[in-house]
């Protein structure tokens, strides 16, 4: 899907006061989408890769900087460690901003939880 259609956003968000960012599906990931209320948060920049979507913006209540990091973590321990290194780098580069890290971290507590490995 080249462009996420507005009607899809309207199905996820009941009012027209929203904005969003998304990254396409890759491998087993279904892609990432972040949706927010434009009366509360305004996007100033966007960056994504196959494992995370980073939205920089302003929290309108106090005009403070905010970074929302939406994560789809890999199952591989080494790839997960690299992802956390990247998340830490984003946090360090935005040290004066509020940071919100959300998403699917694919925690594996026991070996039996690994499917296909």
PDB file of N, CA and C in Angstrom:
ATOM      1  N   UNK A   1       0.853  -1.166   0.000  1.00  0.00           N
ATOM      2  CA  UNK A   1       0.000   0.000   0.000  1.00  0.00           C
ATOM      3  C   UNK A   1       0.899   1.228   0.000  1.00  0.00           C
ATOM      4  N   UNK A   2       0.865   1.974  -1.077  1.00  0.00           N
ATOM      5  CA  UNK A   2       1.731   3.147  -1.206  1.00  0.00           C
ATOM      6  C   UNK A   2       1.374   4.235  -0.199  1.00  0.00           C
ATOM      7  N   UNK A   3       0.092   4.467  -0.021  1.00  0.00           N
ATOM      8  CA  UNK A   3      -0.340   5.539   0.865  1.00  0.00           C
ATOM      9  C   UNK A   3      -1.500   5.042   1.718  1.00  0.00           C
ATOM     10  N   UNK A   4      -1.418   5.260   2.994  1.00  0.00           N
ATOM     11  CA  UNK A   4      -2.491   4.855   3.880  1.00  0.00           C
ATOM     12  C   UNK A   4      -3.678   5.779   3.634  1.00  0.00           C
ATOM     13  N   UNK A   5      -4.789   5.207   3.291  1.00  0.00           N
ATOM     14  CA  UNK A   5      -5.958   6.008   2.947  1.00  0.00           C
ATOM     15  C   UNK A   5      -6.598   6.605   4.195  1.00  0.00           C
ATOM     16  N   UNK A   6      -7.148   7.806   4.040  1.00  0.00           N
ATOM     17  CA  UNK A   6      -7.768   8.512   5.151  1.00  0.00           C
ATOM     18  C   UNK A   6      -8.926   7.719   5.749  1.00  0.00           C
ATOM     19  N   UNK A   7      -9.658   6.984   4.935  1.00  0.00           N
ATOM     20  CA  UNK A   7     -10.809   6.224   5.452  1.00  0.00           C
ATOM     21  C   UNK A   7     -10.369   5.167   6.456  1.00  0.00           C
ATOM     22  N   UNK A   8      -9.176   4.591   6.266  1.00  0.00           N
ATOM     23  CA  UNK A   8      -8.673   3.596   7.216  1.00  0.00           C
ATOM     24  C   UNK A   8      -8.418   4.269   8.563  1.00  0.00           C
ATOM     25  N   UNK A   9      -7.815   5.451   8.532  1.00  0.00           N
ATOM     26  CA  UNK A   9      -7.597   6.196   9.772  1.00  0.00           C
ATOM     27  C   UNK A   9      -8.912   6.530  10.457  1.00  0.00           C
ATOM     28  N   UNK A  10      -9.921   6.861   9.679  1.00  0.00           N
ATOM     29  CA  UNK A  10     -11.233   7.182  10.250  1.00  0.00           C
ATOM     30  C   UNK A  10     -11.878   5.963  10.894  1.00  0.00           C
ATOM     31  N   UNK A  11     -11.565   4.775  10.400  1.00  0.00           N
ATOM     32  CA  UNK A  11     -12.091   3.560  11.020  1.00  0.00           C
ATOM     33  C   UNK A  11     -11.412   3.287  12.355  1.00  0.00           C
ATOM     34  N   UNK A  12     -10.166   3.712  12.492  1.00  0.00           N
ATOM     35  CA  UNK A  12      -9.418   3.498  13.730  1.00  0.00           C
ATOM     36  C   UNK A  12      -9.641   4.621  14.740  1.00  0.00           C
ATOM     37  N   UNK A  13      -9.923   5.811  14.237  1.00  0.00           N
ATOM     38  CA  UNK A  13     -10.074   7.001  15.084  1.00  0.00           C
ATOM     39  C   UNK A  13     -11.419   7.614  14.733  1.00  0.00           C
ATOM     40  N   UNK A  14     -12.292   7.796  15.689  1.00  0.00           N
ATOM     41  CA  UNK A  14     -13.675   8.165  15.375  1.00  0.00           C
ATOM     42  C   UNK A  14     -13.885   9.622  14.985  1.00  0.00           C
ATOM     43  N   UNK A  15     -12.946  10.468  15.230  1.00  0.00           N
ATOM     44  CA  UNK A  15     -13.084  11.889  14.867  1.00  0.00           C
ATOM     45  C   UNK A  15     -12.080  12.219  13.775  1.00  0.00           C
ATOM     46  N   UNK A  16     -12.170  13.430  13.223  1.00  0.00           N
ATOM     47  CA  UNK A  16     -11.254  13.864  12.159  1.00  0.00           C
ATOM     48  C   UNK A  16     -10.063  14.649  12.691  1.00  0.00           C
ATOM     49  N   UNK A  17      -9.849  14.643  14.001  1.00  0.00           N
ATOM     50  CA  UNK A  17      -8.774  15.440  14.599  1.00  0.00           C
ATOM     51  C   UNK A  17      -7.520  14.594  14.838  1.00  0.00           C
ATOM     52  N   UNK A  18      -7.172  13.747  13.870  1.00  0.00           N
ATOM     53  CA  UNK A  18      -6.033  12.860  14.053  1.00  0.00           C
ATOM     54  C   UNK A  18      -5.009  13.045  12.923  1.00  0.00           C
ATOM     55  N   UNK A  19      -3.816  12.617  13.218  1.00  0.00           N
ATOM     56  CA  UNK A  19      -2.763  12.507  12.221  1.00  0.00           C
ATOM     57  C   UNK A  19      -2.101  11.165  12.494  1.00  0.00           C
ATOM     58  N   UNK A  20      -1.294  10.710  11.582  1.00  0.00           N
ATOM     59  CA  UNK A  20      -0.645   9.417  11.767  1.00  0.00           C
ATOM     60  C   UNK A  20       0.650   9.333  11.012  1.00  0.00           C
ATOM     61  N   UNK A  21       1.393   8.312  11.348  1.00  0.00           N
ATOM     62  CA  UNK A  21       2.602   7.935  10.619  1.00  0.00           C
ATOM     63  C   UNK A  21       2.581   6.410  10.553  1.00  0.00           C
ATOM     64  N   UNK A  22       3.158   5.867   9.510  1.00  0.00           N
ATOM     65  CA  UNK A  22       3.168   4.408   9.373  1.00  0.00           C
ATOM     66  C   UNK A  22       4.378   3.964   8.592  1.00  0.00           C
ATOM     67  N   UNK A  23       4.743   2.703   8.806  1.00  0.00           N
ATOM     68  CA  UNK A  23       5.799   2.094   8.011  1.00  0.00           C
ATOM     69  C   UNK A  23       5.250   0.780   7.469  1.00  0.00           C
ATOM     70  N   UNK A  24       5.670   0.439   6.277  1.00  0.00           N
ATOM     71  CA  UNK A  24       5.152  -0.746   5.602  1.00  0.00           C
ATOM     72  C   UNK A  24       5.575  -2.034   6.278  1.00  0.00           C
ATOM     73  N   UNK A  25       4.799  -3.062   6.012  1.00  0.00           N
ATOM     74  CA  UNK A  25       5.116  -4.400   6.505  1.00  0.00           C
ATOM     75  C   UNK A  25       6.411  -4.883   5.866  1.00  0.00           C
ATOM     76  N   UNK A  26       7.172  -5.614   6.662  1.00  0.00           N
ATOM     77  CA  UNK A  26       8.416  -6.195   6.171  1.00  0.00           C
ATOM     78  C   UNK A  26       8.614  -7.534   6.870  1.00  0.00           C
ATOM     79  N   UNK A  27       8.954  -8.551   6.123  1.00  0.00           N
ATOM     80  CA  UNK A  27       9.089  -9.899   6.675  1.00  0.00           C
ATOM     81  C   UNK A  27       7.784 -10.302   7.358  1.00  0.00           C
ATOM     82  N   UNK A  28       7.873 -10.739   8.604  1.00  0.00           N
ATOM     83  CA  UNK A  28       6.675 -11.169   9.336  1.00  0.00           C
ATOM     84  C   UNK A  28       5.926 -10.011   9.987  1.00  0.00           C
ATOM     85  N   UNK A  29       6.549  -8.854  10.048  1.00  0.00           N
ATOM     86  CA  UNK A  29       5.908  -7.696  10.654  1.00  0.00           C
ATOM     87  C   UNK A  29       4.737  -7.246   9.797  1.00  0.00           C
ATOM     88  N   UNK A  30       3.658  -6.873  10.452  1.00  0.00           N
ATOM     89  CA  UNK A  30       2.510  -6.332   9.734  1.00  0.00           C
ATOM     90  C   UNK A  30       2.646  -4.838   9.499  1.00  0.00           C
ATOM     91  N   UNK A  31       3.794  -4.270   9.815  1.00  0.00           N
ATOM     92  CA  UNK A  31       3.994  -2.830   9.705  1.00  0.00           C
ATOM     93  C   UNK A  31       3.670  -2.154  11.028  1.00  0.00           C
ATOM     94  N   UNK A  32       3.939  -0.874  11.092  1.00  0.00           N
ATOM     95  CA  UNK A  32       3.691  -0.098  12.303  1.00  0.00           C
ATOM     96  C   UNK A  32       2.830   1.107  11.961  1.00  0.00           C
ATOM     97  N   UNK A  33       1.956   1.489  12.878  1.00  0.00           N
ATOM     98  CA  UNK A  33       1.164   2.698  12.721  1.00  0.00           C
ATOM     99  C   UNK A  33       1.077   3.394  14.068  1.00  0.00           C
ATOM    100  N   UNK A  34       1.252   4.700  14.039  1.00  0.00           N
ATOM    101  CA  UNK A  34       1.058   5.535  15.226  1.00  0.00           C
ATOM    102  C   UNK A  34       0.016   6.576  14.862  1.00  0.00           C
ATOM    103  N   UNK A  35      -0.985   6.730  15.697  1.00  0.00           N
ATOM    104  CA  UNK A  35      -2.078   7.686  15.483  1.00  0.00           C
ATOM    105  C   UNK A  35      -2.170   8.569  16.717  1.00  0.00           C
ATOM    106  N   UNK A  36      -2.377   9.877  16.505  1.00  0.00           N
ATOM    107  CA  UNK A  36      -2.474  10.795  17.634  1.00  0.00           C
ATOM    108  C   UNK A  36      -3.476  11.907  17.349  1.00  0.00           C
ATOM    109  N   UNK A  37      -3.913  12.529  18.423  1.00  0.00           N
ATOM    110  CA  UNK A  37      -4.836  13.647  18.361  1.00  0.00           C
ATOM    111  C   UNK A  37      -4.039  14.906  18.007  1.00  0.00           C
ATOM    112  N   UNK A  38      -4.397  15.548  16.893  1.00  0.00           N
ATOM    113  CA  UNK A  38      -3.678  16.743  16.431  1.00  0.00           C
ATOM    114  C   UNK A  38      -3.889  17.947  17.349  1.00  0.00           C
ATOM    115  N   UNK A  39      -4.917  17.897  18.215  1.00  0.00           N
ATOM    116  CA  UNK A  39      -5.152  18.985  19.162  1.00  0.00           C
ATOM    117  C   UNK A  39      -4.279  18.857  20.404  1.00  0.00           C
ATOM    118  N   UNK A  40      -3.549  17.734  20.497  1.00  0.00           N
ATOM    119  CA  UNK A  40      -2.703  17.473  21.650  1.00  0.00           C
ATOM    120  C   UNK A  40      -1.228  17.379  21.258  1.00  0.00           C
ATOM    121  N   UNK A  41      -0.950  16.797  20.096  1.00  0.00           N
ATOM    122  CA  UNK A  41       0.418  16.534  19.645  1.00  0.00           C
ATOM    123  C   UNK A  41       0.526  16.869  18.157  1.00  0.00           C
ATOM    124  N   UNK A  42       1.620  17.556  17.781  1.00  0.00           N
ATOM    125  CA  UNK A  42       1.867  17.901  16.381  1.00  0.00           C
ATOM    126  C   UNK A  42       3.229  17.358  15.967  1.00  0.00           C
ATOM    127  N   UNK A  43       3.227  16.571  14.905  1.00  0.00           N
ATOM    128  CA  UNK A  43       4.460  15.967  14.389  1.00  0.00           C
ATOM    129  C   UNK A  43       5.353  17.033  13.760  1.00  0.00           C
ATOM    130  N   UNK A  44       6.661  16.951  14.067  1.00  0.00           N
ATOM    131  CA  UNK A  44       7.632  17.834  13.419  1.00  0.00           C
ATOM    132  C   UNK A  44       8.590  17.060  12.516  1.00  0.00           C
ATOM    133  N   UNK A  45       8.816  15.778  12.827  1.00  0.00           N
ATOM    134  CA  UNK A  45       9.661  14.947  11.964  1.00  0.00           C
ATOM    135  C   UNK A  45       9.343  13.481  12.204  1.00  0.00           C
ATOM    136  N   UNK A  46       9.835  12.664  11.280  1.00  0.00           N
ATOM    137  CA  UNK A  46       9.512  11.246  11.296  1.00  0.00           C
ATOM    138  C   UNK A  46      10.707  10.464  10.794  1.00  0.00           C
ATOM    139  N   UNK A  47      10.951   9.309  11.411  1.00  0.00           N
ATOM    140  CA  UNK A  47      12.003   8.399  10.964  1.00  0.00           C
ATOM    141  C   UNK A  47      11.538   6.984  11.213  1.00  0.00           C
ATOM    142  N   UNK A  48      11.807   6.082  10.284  1.00  0.00           N
ATOM    143  CA  UNK A  48      11.420   4.703  10.521  1.00  0.00           C
ATOM    144  C   UNK A  48      12.407   3.746   9.887  1.00  0.00           C
ATOM    145  N   UNK A  49      12.404   2.535  10.431  1.00  0.00           N
ATOM    146  CA  UNK A  49      13.086   1.405   9.825  1.00  0.00           C
ATOM    147  C   UNK A  49      12.179   0.207  10.032  1.00  0.00           C
ATOM    148  N   UNK A  50      12.630  -0.979   9.731  1.00  0.00           N
ATOM    149  CA  UNK A  50      11.727  -2.129   9.804  1.00  0.00           C
ATOM    150  C   UNK A  50      11.308  -2.489  11.224  1.00  0.00           C
ATOM    151  N   UNK A  51      11.988  -1.961  12.225  1.00  0.00           N
ATOM    152  CA  UNK A  51      11.703  -2.336  13.609  1.00  0.00           C
ATOM    153  C   UNK A  51      11.125  -1.225  14.471  1.00  0.00           C
ATOM    154  N   UNK A  52      11.140   0.007  13.976  1.00  0.00           N
ATOM    155  CA  UNK A  52      10.571   1.077  14.787  1.00  0.00           C
ATOM    156  C   UNK A  52      10.186   2.282  13.955  1.00  0.00           C
ATOM    157  N   UNK A  53       9.240   3.011  14.489  1.00  0.00           N
ATOM    158  CA  UNK A  53       8.723   4.229  13.888  1.00  0.00           C
ATOM    159  C   UNK A  53       8.900   5.329  14.930  1.00  0.00           C
ATOM    160  N   UNK A  54       9.670   6.348  14.602  1.00  0.00           N
ATOM    161  CA  UNK A  54       9.979   7.420  15.551  1.00  0.00           C
ATOM    162  C   UNK A  54       9.303   8.701  15.077  1.00  0.00           C
ATOM    163  N   UNK A  55       8.413   9.232  15.922  1.00  0.00           N
ATOM    164  CA  UNK A  55       7.701  10.467  15.607  1.00  0.00           C
ATOM    165  C   UNK A  55       8.148  11.535  16.599  1.00  0.00           C
ATOM    166  N   UNK A  56       8.792  12.576  16.095  1.00  0.00           N
ATOM    167  CA  UNK A  56       9.171  13.730  16.912  1.00  0.00           C
ATOM    168  C   UNK A  56       8.083  14.777  16.769  1.00  0.00           C
ATOM    169  N   UNK A  57       7.819  15.489  17.868  1.00  0.00           N
ATOM    170  CA  UNK A  57       6.804  16.523  17.772  1.00  0.00           C
ATOM    171  C   UNK A  57       6.741  17.389  19.006  1.00  0.00           C
ATOM    172  N   UNK A  58       5.624  18.117  19.093  1.00  0.00           N
ATOM    173  CA  UNK A  58       5.397  19.052  20.200  1.00  0.00           C
ATOM    174  C   UNK A  58       4.111  18.686  20.914  1.00  0.00           C
ATOM    175  N   UNK A  59       4.188  18.608  22.245  1.00  0.00           N
ATOM    176  CA  UNK A  59       3.023  18.420  23.086  1.00  0.00           C
ATOM    177  C   UNK A  59       2.432  19.816  23.262  1.00  0.00           C
ATOM    178  N   UNK A  60       1.249  20.059  22.726  1.00  0.00           N
ATOM    179  CA  UNK A  60       0.720  21.417  22.608  1.00  0.00           C
ATOM    180  C   UNK A  60       0.381  22.072  23.948  1.00  0.00           C
ATOM    181  N   UNK A  61       0.050  21.311  24.955  1.00  0.00           N
ATOM    182  CA  UNK A  61      -0.326  21.887  26.249  1.00  0.00           C
ATOM    183  C   UNK A  61       0.762  22.803  26.803  1.00  0.00           C
ATOM    184  N   UNK A  62       2.031  22.410  26.636  1.00  0.00           N
ATOM    185  CA  UNK A  62       3.118  23.244  27.149  1.00  0.00           C
ATOM    186  C   UNK A  62       4.214  23.482  26.106  1.00  0.00           C
ATOM    187  N   UNK A  63       3.942  23.120  24.858  1.00  0.00           N
ATOM    188  CA  UNK A  63       4.873  23.293  23.738  1.00  0.00           C
ATOM    189  C   UNK A  63       6.181  22.517  23.948  1.00  0.00           C
ATOM    190  N   UNK A  64       6.132  21.471  24.762  1.00  0.00           N
ATOM    191  CA  UNK A  64       7.317  20.677  25.039  1.00  0.00           C
ATOM    192  C   UNK A  64       7.607  19.676  23.929  1.00  0.00           C
ATOM    193  N   UNK A  65       8.889  19.381  23.751  1.00  0.00           N
ATOM    194  CA  UNK A  65       9.291  18.372  22.768  1.00  0.00           C
ATOM    195  C   UNK A  65       8.893  16.988  23.259  1.00  0.00           C
ATOM    196  N   UNK A  66       8.497  16.146  22.312  1.00  0.00           N
ATOM    197  CA  UNK A  66       8.132  14.780  22.646  1.00  0.00           C
ATOM    198  C   UNK A  66       8.555  13.861  21.523  1.00  0.00           C
ATOM    199  N   UNK A  67       9.013  12.671  21.885  1.00  0.00           N
ATOM    200  CA  UNK A  67       9.393  11.652  20.912  1.00  0.00           C
ATOM    201  C   UNK A  67       8.611  10.383  21.242  1.00  0.00           C
ATOM    202  N   UNK A  68       7.882   9.877  20.255  1.00  0.00           N
ATOM    203  CA  UNK A  68       7.144   8.635  20.410  1.00  0.00           C
ATOM    204  C   UNK A  68       7.860   7.575  19.574  1.00  0.00           C
ATOM    205  N   UNK A  69       8.293   6.502  20.226  1.00  0.00           N
ATOM    206  CA  UNK A  69       9.004   5.416  19.548  1.00  0.00           C
ATOM    207  C   UNK A  69       8.105   4.189  19.580  1.00  0.00           C
ATOM    208  N   UNK A  70       7.597   3.805  18.425  1.00  0.00           N
ATOM    209  CA  UNK A  70       6.719   2.650  18.282  1.00  0.00           C
ATOM    210  C   UNK A  70       7.574   1.496  17.775  1.00  0.00           C
ATOM    211  N   UNK A  71       7.602   0.389  18.521  1.00  0.00           N
ATOM    212  CA  UNK A  71       8.557  -0.696  18.290  1.00  0.00           C
ATOM    213  C   UNK A  71       7.869  -1.993  17.880  1.00  0.00           C
ATOM    214  N   UNK A  72       8.450  -2.683  16.912  1.00  0.00           N
ATOM    215  CA  UNK A  72       8.143  -4.087  16.658  1.00  0.00           C
ATOM    216  C   UNK A  72       9.479  -4.809  16.739  1.00  0.00           C
ATOM    217  N   UNK A  73       9.743  -5.416  17.894  1.00  0.00           N
ATOM    218  CA  UNK A  73      11.061  -6.001  18.147  1.00  0.00           C
ATOM    219  C   UNK A  73      11.204  -7.374  17.495  1.00  0.00           C
ATOM    220  N   UNK A  74      12.393  -7.671  17.014  1.00  0.00           N
ATOM    221  CA  UNK A  74      12.658  -9.011  16.486  1.00  0.00           C
ATOM    222  C   UNK A  74      12.732 -10.011  17.638  1.00  0.00           C
ATOM    223  N   UNK A  75      12.645 -11.277  17.307  1.00  0.00           N
ATOM    224  CA  UNK A  75      12.745 -12.327  18.339  1.00  0.00           C
ATOM    225  C   UNK A  75      14.197 -12.676  18.656  1.00  0.00           C
ATOM    226  N   UNK A  76      15.088 -12.485  17.691  1.00  0.00           N
ATOM    227  CA  UNK A  76      16.494 -12.815  17.873  1.00  0.00           C
ATOM    228  C   UNK A  76      17.116 -11.939  18.965  1.00  0.00           C
ATOM    229  N   UNK A  77      17.819 -12.586  19.895  1.00  0.00           N
ATOM    230  CA  UNK A  77      18.460 -11.850  20.981  1.00  0.00           C
ATOM    231  C   UNK A  77      19.425 -10.792  20.443  1.00  0.00           C
ATOM    232  N   UNK A  78      20.268 -11.156  19.471  1.00  0.00           N
ATOM    233  CA  UNK A  78      21.255 -10.210  18.923  1.00  0.00           C
ATOM    234  C   UNK A  78      20.575  -9.038  18.222  1.00  0.00           C
ATOM    235  N   UNK A  79      19.538  -9.316  17.430  1.00  0.00           N
ATOM    236  CA  UNK A  79      18.820  -8.234  16.749  1.00  0.00           C
ATOM    237  C   UNK A  79      18.086  -7.352  17.748  1.00  0.00           C
ATOM    238  N   UNK A  80      17.564  -7.974  18.802  1.00  0.00           N
ATOM    239  CA  UNK A  80      16.879  -7.209  19.854  1.00  0.00           C
ATOM    240  C   UNK A  80      17.871  -6.280  20.561  1.00  0.00           C
ATOM    241  N   UNK A  81      19.086  -6.773  20.812  1.00  0.00           N
ATOM    242  CA  UNK A  81      20.117  -5.938  21.450  1.00  0.00           C
ATOM    243  C   UNK A  81      20.480  -4.754  20.551  1.00  0.00           C
ATOM    244  N   UNK A  82      20.580  -4.988  19.249  1.00  0.00           N
ATOM    245  CA  UNK A  82      20.865  -3.893  18.310  1.00  0.00           C
ATOM    246  C   UNK A  82      19.735  -2.873  18.304  1.00  0.00           C
ATOM    247  N   UNK A  83      18.490  -3.362  18.360  1.00  0.00           N
ATOM    248  CA  UNK A  83      17.341  -2.458  18.409  1.00  0.00           C
ATOM    249  C   UNK A  83      17.412  -1.575  19.647  1.00  0.00           C
ATOM    250  N   UNK A  84      17.709  -2.169  20.800  1.00  0.00           N
ATOM    251  CA  UNK A  84      17.805  -1.365  22.023  1.00  0.00           C
ATOM    252  C   UNK A  84      18.944  -0.359  21.951  1.00  0.00           C
ATOM    253  N   UNK A  85      20.032  -0.701  21.277  1.00  0.00           N
ATOM    254  CA  UNK A  85      21.113   0.272  21.062  1.00  0.00           C
ATOM    255  C   UNK A  85      20.587   1.462  20.257  1.00  0.00           C
ATOM    256  N   UNK A  86      19.787   1.183  19.238  1.00  0.00           N
ATOM    257  CA  UNK A  86      19.224   2.250  18.405  1.00  0.00           C
ATOM    258  C   UNK A  86      18.231   3.089  19.207  1.00  0.00           C
ATOM    259  N   UNK A  87      17.390   2.438  20.004  1.00  0.00           N
ATOM    260  CA  UNK A  87      16.445   3.174  20.854  1.00  0.00           C
ATOM    261  C   UNK A  87      17.207   4.080  21.815  1.00  0.00           C
ATOM    262  N   UNK A  88      18.258   3.561  22.434  1.00  0.00           N
ATOM    263  CA  UNK A  88      19.066   4.378  23.346  1.00  0.00           C
ATOM    264  C   UNK A  88      19.687   5.566  22.631  1.00  0.00           C
ATOM    265  N   UNK A  89      20.124   5.377  21.391  1.00  0.00           N
ATOM    266  CA  UNK A  89      20.697   6.476  20.609  1.00  0.00           C
ATOM    267  C   UNK A  89      19.650   7.560  20.354  1.00  0.00           C
ATOM    268  N   UNK A  90      18.427   7.151  19.989  1.00  0.00           N
ATOM    269  CA  UNK A  90      17.345   8.123  19.771  1.00  0.00           C
ATOM    270  C   UNK A  90      17.073   8.896  21.057  1.00  0.00           C
ATOM    271  N   UNK A  91      17.047   8.195  22.175  1.00  0.00           N
ATOM    272  CA  UNK A  91      16.814   8.852  23.471  1.00  0.00           C
ATOM    273  C   UNK A  91      17.929   9.838  23.789  1.00  0.00           C
ATOM    274  N   UNK A  92      19.187   9.441  23.581  1.00  0.00           N
ATOM    275  CA  UNK A  92      20.329  10.336  23.833  1.00  0.00           C
ATOM    276  C   UNK A  92      20.284  11.570  22.939  1.00  0.00           C
ATOM    277  N   UNK A  93      19.867  11.400  21.689  1.00  0.00           N
ATOM    278  CA  UNK A  93      19.805  12.524  20.751  1.00  0.00           C
ATOM    279  C   UNK A  93      18.657  13.482  21.068  1.00  0.00           C
ATOM    280  N   UNK A  94      17.743  13.057  21.904  1.00  0.00           N
ATOM    281  CA  UNK A  94      16.583  13.870  22.264  1.00  0.00           C
ATOM    282  C   UNK A  94      16.489  14.017  23.777  1.00  0.00           C
ATOM    283  N   UNK A  95      17.615  14.307  24.414  1.00  0.00           N
ATOM    284  CA  UNK A  95      17.692  14.292  25.869  1.00  0.00           C
ATOM    285  C   UNK A  95      16.778  15.299  26.546  1.00  0.00           C
ATOM    286  N   UNK A  96      16.377  16.364  25.857  1.00  0.00           N
ATOM    287  CA  UNK A  96      15.498  17.357  26.467  1.00  0.00           C
ATOM    288  C   UNK A  96      14.022  17.062  26.227  1.00  0.00           C
ATOM    289  N   UNK A  97      13.728  16.039  25.462  1.00  0.00           N
ATOM    290  CA  UNK A  97      12.345  15.713  25.113  1.00  0.00           C
ATOM    291  C   UNK A  97      11.762  14.673  26.054  1.00  0.00           C
ATOM    292  N   UNK A  98      10.454  14.667  26.130  1.00  0.00           N
ATOM    293  CA  UNK A  98       9.756  13.544  26.764  1.00  0.00           C
ATOM    294  C   UNK A  98       9.838  12.378  25.799  1.00  0.00           C
ATOM    295  N   UNK A  99      10.020  11.192  26.321  1.00  0.00           N
ATOM    296  CA  UNK A  99      10.159  10.000  25.479  1.00  0.00           C
ATOM    297  C   UNK A  99       9.059   9.011  25.854  1.00  0.00           C
ATOM    298  N   UNK A 100       8.414   8.463  24.844  1.00  0.00           N
ATOM    299  CA  UNK A 100       7.418   7.417  25.042  1.00  0.00           C
ATOM    300  C   UNK A 100       7.787   6.250  24.126  1.00  0.00           C
ATOM    301  N   UNK A 101       8.108   5.100  24.727  1.00  0.00           N
ATOM    302  CA  UNK A 101       8.464   3.910  23.954  1.00  0.00           C
ATOM    303  C   UNK A 101       7.337   2.896  24.128  1.00  0.00           C
ATOM    304  N   UNK A 102       6.715   2.515  23.012  1.00  0.00           N
ATOM    305  CA  UNK A 102       5.579   1.591  23.042  1.00  0.00           C
ATOM    306  C   UNK A 102       5.760   0.538  21.962  1.00  0.00           C
ATOM    307  N   UNK A 103       4.988  -0.523  22.034  1.00  0.00           N
ATOM    308  CA  UNK A 103       5.001  -1.475  20.939  1.00  0.00           C
ATOM    309  C   UNK A 103       5.003  -2.920  21.379  1.00  0.00           C
ATOM    310  N   UNK A 104       5.408  -3.767  20.455  1.00  0.00           N
ATOM    311  CA  UNK A 104       5.483  -5.207  20.660  1.00  0.00           C
ATOM    312  C   UNK A 104       6.954  -5.570  20.796  1.00  0.00           C
ATOM    313  N   UNK A 105       7.362  -5.945  21.999  1.00  0.00           N
ATOM    314  CA  UNK A 105       8.763  -6.225  22.274  1.00  0.00           C
ATOM    315  C   UNK A 105       9.105  -7.710  22.137  1.00  0.00           C
ATOM    316  N   UNK A 106       8.113  -8.512  21.755  1.00  0.00           N
ATOM    317  CA  UNK A 106       8.314  -9.951  21.551  1.00  0.00           C
ATOM    318  C   UNK A 106       9.141 -10.591  22.664  1.00  0.00           C
ATOM    319  N   UNK A 107       8.698 -10.458  23.916  1.00  0.00           N
ATOM    320  CA  UNK A 107       9.457 -11.092  25.000  1.00  0.00           C
ATOM    321  C   UNK A 107       9.319 -12.603  24.935  1.00  0.00           C
ATOM    322  N   UNK A 108      10.403 -13.271  25.160  1.00  0.00           N
ATOM    323  CA  UNK A 108      10.399 -14.730  25.201  1.00  0.00           C
ATOM    324  C   UNK A 108      10.954 -15.119  26.556  1.00  0.00           C
ATOM    325  N   UNK A 109      10.086 -15.666  27.395  1.00  0.00           N
ATOM    326  CA  UNK A 109      10.486 -16.020  28.754  1.00  0.00           C
ATOM    327  C   UNK A 109      11.028 -17.437  28.843  1.00  0.00           C
ATOM    328  N   UNK A 110      10.481 -18.308  27.986  1.00  0.00           N
ATOM    329  CA  UNK A 110      10.895 -19.708  28.019  1.00  0.00           C
ATOM    330  C   UNK A 110      11.184 -20.191  26.614  1.00  0.00           C
ATOM    331  N   UNK A 111      12.090 -21.148  26.508  1.00  0.00           N
ATOM    332  CA  UNK A 111      12.471 -21.706  25.201  1.00  0.00           C
ATOM    333  C   UNK A 111      11.258 -22.249  24.446  1.00  0.00           C
ATOM    334  N   UNK A 112      10.280 -22.782  25.154  1.00  0.00           N
ATOM    335  CA  UNK A 112       9.085 -23.362  24.526  1.00  0.00           C
ATOM    336  C   UNK A 112       8.237 -22.310  23.812  1.00  0.00           C
ATOM    337  N   UNK A 113       8.434 -21.028  24.124  1.00  0.00           N
ATOM    338  CA  UNK A 113       7.672 -19.959  23.473  1.00  0.00           C
ATOM    339  C   UNK A 113       8.196 -19.624  22.082  1.00  0.00           C
ATOM    340  N   UNK A 114       9.392 -20.082  21.763  1.00  0.00           N
ATOM    341  CA  UNK A 114       9.966 -19.830  20.443  1.00  0.00           C
ATOM    342  C   UNK A 114       9.291 -20.736  19.424  1.00  0.00           C
ATOM    343  N   UNK A 115       8.643 -20.127  18.454  1.00  0.00           N
ATOM    344  CA  UNK A 115       7.973 -20.882  17.405  1.00  0.00           C
ATOM    345  C   UNK A 115       8.904 -20.955  16.209  1.00  0.00           C
ATOM    346  N   UNK A 116       9.124 -22.149  15.712  1.00  0.00           N
ATOM    347  CA  UNK A 116       9.949 -22.312  14.507  1.00  0.00           C
ATOM    348  C   UNK A 116      11.437 -22.163  14.738  1.00  0.00           C
ATOM    349  N   UNK A 117      11.881 -22.134  15.945  1.00  0.00           N
ATOM    350  CA  UNK A 117      13.312 -21.963  16.222  1.00  0.00           C
ATOM    351  C   UNK A 117      13.854 -23.191  16.886  1.00  0.00           C
TER     352      UNK A 117
END
